[in-house]
Amino acid sequence: MGGFLDNLKNFFTGPVLSQGQRSTVDFVIACNRCGEEITVRIRTTSDISRVYEEDGGPVGSVFFVRKEILGSKCNNLIYLTAYFNESFNLISREVTGGKIIE
């Protein structure tokens, strides 16, 4: 019965990250229409997908995320696409409808 409970616990808490991996990746994005700054937190355990050959990501990319972001000041929809390596370090990103604030 302990195996079942351990599996249930792992289901709700997510996988254990290895040394050097981050649990979240944050982006601050400014809306092109109203200038609102929106902080987007991406969880590496649930929001990010694996890159497969047919996805055709950049060289060295292992994971990617696509997000639609909507601020509270206007109805401009912002699209974020980002690619990461095995340690969730950013390889490339593309934003439409907004811009990333460094």
N, C-alpha and C. Protein backbone atom coordinates (compact mmCIF):
# COMPACT_ATOMS: atom_id res chain seq x y z
N MET A 1 0.82 -1.21 0.00
CA MET A 1 0.00 0.00 0.00
C MET A 1 0.86 1.26 0.00
N GLY A 2 2.07 1.18 0.57
CA GLY A 2 2.96 2.34 0.59
C GLY A 2 3.31 2.81 -0.81
N GLY A 3 3.45 1.88 -1.78
CA GLY A 3 3.77 2.25 -3.15
C GLY A 3 2.68 3.10 -3.77
N PHE A 4 1.44 2.75 -3.50
CA PHE A 4 0.31 3.52 -4.02
C PHE A 4 0.32 4.93 -3.47
N LEU A 5 0.54 5.07 -2.17
CA LEU A 5 0.55 6.39 -1.54
C LEU A 5 1.73 7.22 -2.04
N ASP A 6 2.88 6.58 -2.25
CA ASP A 6 4.04 7.30 -2.78
C ASP A 6 3.74 7.80 -4.20
N ASN A 7 3.12 6.96 -5.02
CA ASN A 7 2.75 7.37 -6.38
C ASN A 7 1.75 8.52 -6.37
N LEU A 8 0.79 8.46 -5.45
CA LEU A 8 -0.20 9.52 -5.32
C LEU A 8 0.47 10.83 -4.90
N LYS A 9 1.39 10.75 -3.96
CA LYS A 9 2.12 11.93 -3.51
C LYS A 9 2.93 12.53 -4.66
N ASN A 10 3.62 11.68 -5.43
CA ASN A 10 4.43 12.16 -6.55
C ASN A 10 3.55 12.78 -7.64
N PHE A 11 2.35 12.28 -7.81
CA PHE A 11 1.43 12.83 -8.80
C PHE A 11 1.09 14.29 -8.48
N PHE A 12 0.87 14.58 -7.21
CA PHE A 12 0.46 15.93 -6.81
C PHE A 12 1.64 16.88 -6.58
N THR A 13 2.80 16.35 -6.25
CA THR A 13 3.94 17.23 -5.98
C THR A 13 4.84 17.40 -7.18
N GLY A 14 4.74 16.57 -8.19
CA GLY A 14 5.57 16.69 -9.38
C GLY A 14 6.88 15.96 -9.22
N PRO A 15 7.63 15.85 -10.31
CA PRO A 15 8.89 15.13 -10.27
C PRO A 15 9.96 15.87 -9.47
N VAL A 16 10.91 15.13 -8.96
CA VAL A 16 12.03 15.72 -8.25
C VAL A 16 13.03 16.23 -9.29
N LEU A 17 13.45 17.48 -9.14
CA LEU A 17 14.39 18.06 -10.08
C LEU A 17 15.81 17.67 -9.69
N SER A 18 16.64 17.44 -10.69
CA SER A 18 18.03 17.11 -10.41
C SER A 18 18.80 18.39 -10.09
N GLN A 19 20.01 18.23 -9.60
CA GLN A 19 20.85 19.35 -9.22
C GLN A 19 21.03 20.31 -10.39
N GLY A 20 20.87 21.59 -10.17
CA GLY A 20 21.07 22.60 -11.20
C GLY A 20 19.82 22.94 -11.99
N GLN A 21 18.73 22.21 -11.81
CA GLN A 21 17.50 22.54 -12.53
C GLN A 21 16.63 23.46 -11.69
N ARG A 22 15.98 24.39 -12.36
CA ARG A 22 15.12 25.35 -11.67
C ARG A 22 13.68 24.85 -11.69
N SER A 23 12.92 25.23 -10.68
CA SER A 23 11.52 24.82 -10.63
C SER A 23 10.61 25.81 -11.36
N THR A 24 11.07 27.05 -11.53
CA THR A 24 10.30 28.05 -12.28
C THR A 24 11.23 28.89 -13.15
N VAL A 25 10.66 29.44 -14.21
CA VAL A 25 11.34 30.40 -15.07
C VAL A 25 10.41 31.60 -15.17
N ASP A 26 10.92 32.79 -14.88
CA ASP A 26 10.10 33.99 -14.88
C ASP A 26 10.44 34.89 -16.07
N PHE A 27 9.40 35.49 -16.65
CA PHE A 27 9.54 36.50 -17.70
C PHE A 27 8.74 37.71 -17.26
N VAL A 28 9.26 38.90 -17.52
CA VAL A 28 8.50 40.14 -17.33
C VAL A 28 8.26 40.69 -18.73
N ILE A 29 6.99 40.84 -19.07
CA ILE A 29 6.59 41.23 -20.42
C ILE A 29 5.77 42.52 -20.35
N ALA A 30 6.08 43.46 -21.24
CA ALA A 30 5.33 44.72 -21.32
C ALA A 30 4.38 44.63 -22.51
N CYS A 31 3.13 45.00 -22.29
CA CYS A 31 2.12 45.01 -23.34
C CYS A 31 2.42 46.13 -24.34
N ASN A 32 2.32 45.83 -25.63
CA ASN A 32 2.53 46.83 -26.67
C ASN A 32 1.44 47.89 -26.70
N ARG A 33 0.25 47.54 -26.26
CA ARG A 33 -0.88 48.47 -26.37
C ARG A 33 -0.93 49.44 -25.19
N CYS A 34 -0.86 48.93 -23.94
CA CYS A 34 -1.04 49.80 -22.78
C CYS A 34 0.22 49.97 -21.93
N GLY A 35 1.25 49.17 -22.19
CA GLY A 35 2.50 49.29 -21.43
C GLY A 35 2.52 48.56 -20.11
N GLU A 36 1.44 47.87 -19.77
CA GLU A 36 1.39 47.13 -18.51
C GLU A 36 2.51 46.10 -18.46
N GLU A 37 3.18 46.02 -17.30
CA GLU A 37 4.21 45.02 -17.09
C GLU A 37 3.58 43.80 -16.42
N ILE A 38 3.74 42.66 -17.05
CA ILE A 38 3.12 41.42 -16.58
C ILE A 38 4.22 40.42 -16.28
N THR A 39 4.22 39.88 -15.06
CA THR A 39 5.19 38.84 -14.70
C THR A 39 4.56 37.49 -14.99
N VAL A 40 5.26 36.68 -15.76
CA VAL A 40 4.79 35.35 -16.14
C VAL A 40 5.72 34.34 -15.49
N ARG A 41 5.18 33.48 -14.66
CA ARG A 41 5.96 32.42 -14.01
C ARG A 41 5.61 31.10 -14.66
N ILE A 42 6.62 30.44 -15.20
CA ILE A 42 6.44 29.16 -15.87
C ILE A 42 7.03 28.07 -14.99
N ARG A 43 6.20 27.09 -14.63
CA ARG A 43 6.66 25.97 -13.80
C ARG A 43 7.29 24.91 -14.71
N THR A 44 8.53 24.55 -14.39
CA THR A 44 9.23 23.58 -15.23
C THR A 44 8.68 22.18 -15.06
N THR A 45 7.92 21.94 -14.00
CA THR A 45 7.37 20.60 -13.77
C THR A 45 6.04 20.38 -14.45
N SER A 46 5.36 21.46 -14.90
CA SER A 46 4.04 21.24 -15.48
C SER A 46 3.74 22.07 -16.72
N ASP A 47 4.35 23.23 -16.89
CA ASP A 47 4.02 24.11 -18.00
C ASP A 47 4.83 23.83 -19.26
N ILE A 48 5.99 23.21 -19.10
CA ILE A 48 6.93 23.05 -20.20
C ILE A 48 6.77 21.67 -20.84
N SER A 49 6.85 21.63 -22.17
CA SER A 49 6.72 20.37 -22.93
C SER A 49 8.06 20.01 -23.55
N ARG A 50 8.22 18.74 -23.85
CA ARG A 50 9.44 18.26 -24.51
C ARG A 50 9.37 18.56 -26.00
N VAL A 51 10.52 18.90 -26.58
CA VAL A 51 10.63 19.15 -28.02
C VAL A 51 10.85 17.81 -28.71
N TYR A 52 10.04 17.50 -29.70
CA TYR A 52 10.20 16.30 -30.51
C TYR A 52 10.68 16.70 -31.89
N GLU A 53 11.19 15.73 -32.65
CA GLU A 53 11.77 16.02 -33.96
C GLU A 53 10.80 16.78 -34.87
N GLU A 54 9.53 16.40 -34.86
CA GLU A 54 8.57 17.05 -35.74
C GLU A 54 8.24 18.49 -35.32
N ASP A 55 8.59 18.86 -34.06
CA ASP A 55 8.35 20.23 -33.60
C ASP A 55 9.34 21.21 -34.22
N GLY A 56 10.53 20.72 -34.55
CA GLY A 56 11.52 21.56 -35.23
C GLY A 56 12.00 22.75 -34.44
N GLY A 57 12.35 22.58 -33.18
CA GLY A 57 12.87 23.67 -32.37
C GLY A 57 14.31 24.01 -32.72
N PRO A 58 14.86 25.06 -32.12
CA PRO A 58 16.24 25.45 -32.37
C PRO A 58 17.22 24.36 -31.94
N VAL A 59 18.42 24.41 -32.48
CA VAL A 59 19.45 23.43 -32.15
C VAL A 59 19.76 23.49 -30.65
N GLY A 60 19.79 22.34 -30.00
CA GLY A 60 20.08 22.26 -28.58
C GLY A 60 18.88 22.39 -27.67
N SER A 61 17.72 22.64 -28.24
CA SER A 61 16.52 22.78 -27.41
C SER A 61 15.97 21.42 -27.04
N VAL A 62 15.55 21.30 -25.78
CA VAL A 62 14.99 20.06 -25.25
C VAL A 62 13.55 20.28 -24.82
N PHE A 63 13.25 21.48 -24.32
CA PHE A 63 11.91 21.81 -23.83
C PHE A 63 11.43 23.10 -24.48
N PHE A 64 10.09 23.27 -24.52
CA PHE A 64 9.52 24.52 -25.01
C PHE A 64 8.23 24.82 -24.27
N VAL A 65 7.81 26.07 -24.36
CA VAL A 65 6.54 26.50 -23.78
C VAL A 65 5.90 27.52 -24.72
N ARG A 66 4.59 27.44 -24.82
CA ARG A 66 3.80 28.45 -25.53
C ARG A 66 2.75 28.96 -24.56
N LYS A 67 2.72 30.26 -24.39
CA LYS A 67 1.77 30.87 -23.44
C LYS A 67 1.00 31.99 -24.12
N GLU A 68 -0.25 32.12 -23.77
CA GLU A 68 -1.07 33.27 -24.14
C GLU A 68 -1.25 34.08 -22.86
N ILE A 69 -0.90 35.35 -22.93
CA ILE A 69 -0.88 36.20 -21.74
C ILE A 69 -1.86 37.34 -21.93
N LEU A 70 -2.68 37.58 -20.93
CA LEU A 70 -3.65 38.67 -20.96
C LEU A 70 -3.50 39.47 -19.67
N GLY A 71 -3.20 40.74 -19.81
CA GLY A 71 -3.06 41.61 -18.65
C GLY A 71 -4.41 42.03 -18.10
N SER A 72 -4.37 42.90 -17.10
CA SER A 72 -5.61 43.36 -16.47
C SER A 72 -6.03 44.75 -16.96
N LYS A 73 -5.16 45.45 -17.68
CA LYS A 73 -5.47 46.82 -18.10
C LYS A 73 -6.13 46.92 -19.48
N CYS A 74 -5.89 45.94 -20.36
CA CYS A 74 -6.49 45.98 -21.69
C CYS A 74 -6.71 44.55 -22.18
N ASN A 75 -7.32 44.43 -23.35
CA ASN A 75 -7.64 43.09 -23.85
C ASN A 75 -6.67 42.60 -24.93
N ASN A 76 -5.45 43.17 -24.96
CA ASN A 76 -4.43 42.75 -25.92
C ASN A 76 -3.87 41.39 -25.50
N LEU A 77 -3.94 40.42 -26.39
CA LEU A 77 -3.42 39.09 -26.12
C LEU A 77 -1.96 39.02 -26.56
N ILE A 78 -1.09 38.58 -25.65
CA ILE A 78 0.35 38.49 -25.90
C ILE A 78 0.70 37.01 -26.00
N TYR A 79 1.51 36.67 -26.99
CA TYR A 79 1.92 35.28 -27.20
C TYR A 79 3.41 35.14 -26.92
N LEU A 80 3.76 34.15 -26.11
CA LEU A 80 5.15 33.87 -25.77
C LEU A 80 5.47 32.45 -26.18
N THR A 81 6.58 32.27 -26.92
CA THR A 81 7.12 30.96 -27.24
C THR A 81 8.58 30.98 -26.82
N ALA A 82 8.99 30.00 -26.01
CA ALA A 82 10.37 29.95 -25.52
C ALA A 82 10.88 28.52 -25.58
N TYR A 83 12.17 28.38 -25.87
CA TYR A 83 12.84 27.08 -25.94
C TYR A 83 13.96 27.04 -24.91
N PHE A 84 14.12 25.87 -24.27
CA PHE A 84 15.09 25.70 -23.19
C PHE A 84 15.95 24.47 -23.43
N ASN A 85 17.15 24.45 -22.79
CA ASN A 85 17.98 23.24 -22.83
C ASN A 85 17.61 22.34 -21.65
N GLU A 86 18.41 21.29 -21.41
CA GLU A 86 18.08 20.32 -20.36
C GLU A 86 18.03 20.93 -18.96
N SER A 87 18.81 21.99 -18.72
CA SER A 87 18.85 22.64 -17.41
C SER A 87 17.88 23.81 -17.33
N PHE A 88 16.99 23.92 -18.29
CA PHE A 88 15.99 24.98 -18.39
C PHE A 88 16.62 26.36 -18.54
N ASN A 89 17.79 26.41 -19.17
CA ASN A 89 18.38 27.68 -19.55
C ASN A 89 17.77 28.09 -20.90
N LEU A 90 17.45 29.35 -21.03
CA LEU A 90 16.77 29.86 -22.21
C LEU A 90 17.67 29.79 -23.44
N ILE A 91 17.16 29.21 -24.53
CA ILE A 91 17.88 29.15 -25.80
C ILE A 91 17.34 30.20 -26.75
N SER A 92 16.02 30.30 -26.88
CA SER A 92 15.43 31.33 -27.73
C SER A 92 14.03 31.65 -27.23
N ARG A 93 13.55 32.83 -27.63
CA ARG A 93 12.21 33.27 -27.23
C ARG A 93 11.65 34.17 -28.31
N GLU A 94 10.33 34.18 -28.38
CA GLU A 94 9.64 35.04 -29.33
C GLU A 94 8.37 35.54 -28.67
N VAL A 95 8.13 36.83 -28.77
CA VAL A 95 6.94 37.44 -28.18
C VAL A 95 6.24 38.26 -29.24
N THR A 96 4.94 38.09 -29.38
CA THR A 96 4.14 38.95 -30.25
C THR A 96 3.08 39.63 -29.39
N GLY A 97 2.84 40.90 -29.64
CA GLY A 97 1.87 41.67 -28.88
C GLY A 97 2.47 42.32 -27.64
N GLY A 98 3.76 42.11 -27.42
CA GLY A 98 4.43 42.67 -26.26
C GLY A 98 5.93 42.59 -26.45
N LYS A 99 6.66 42.94 -25.40
CA LYS A 99 8.11 42.81 -25.45
C LYS A 99 8.62 42.37 -24.08
N ILE A 100 9.72 41.63 -24.10
CA ILE A 100 10.32 41.15 -22.85
C ILE A 100 11.17 42.25 -22.26
N ILE A 101 11.01 42.49 -20.97
CA ILE A 101 11.81 43.48 -20.25
C ILE A 101 12.94 42.71 -19.57
N GLU A 102 14.14 43.12 -19.84
CA GLU A 102 15.32 42.41 -19.29
C GLU A 102 15.51 42.74 -17.83
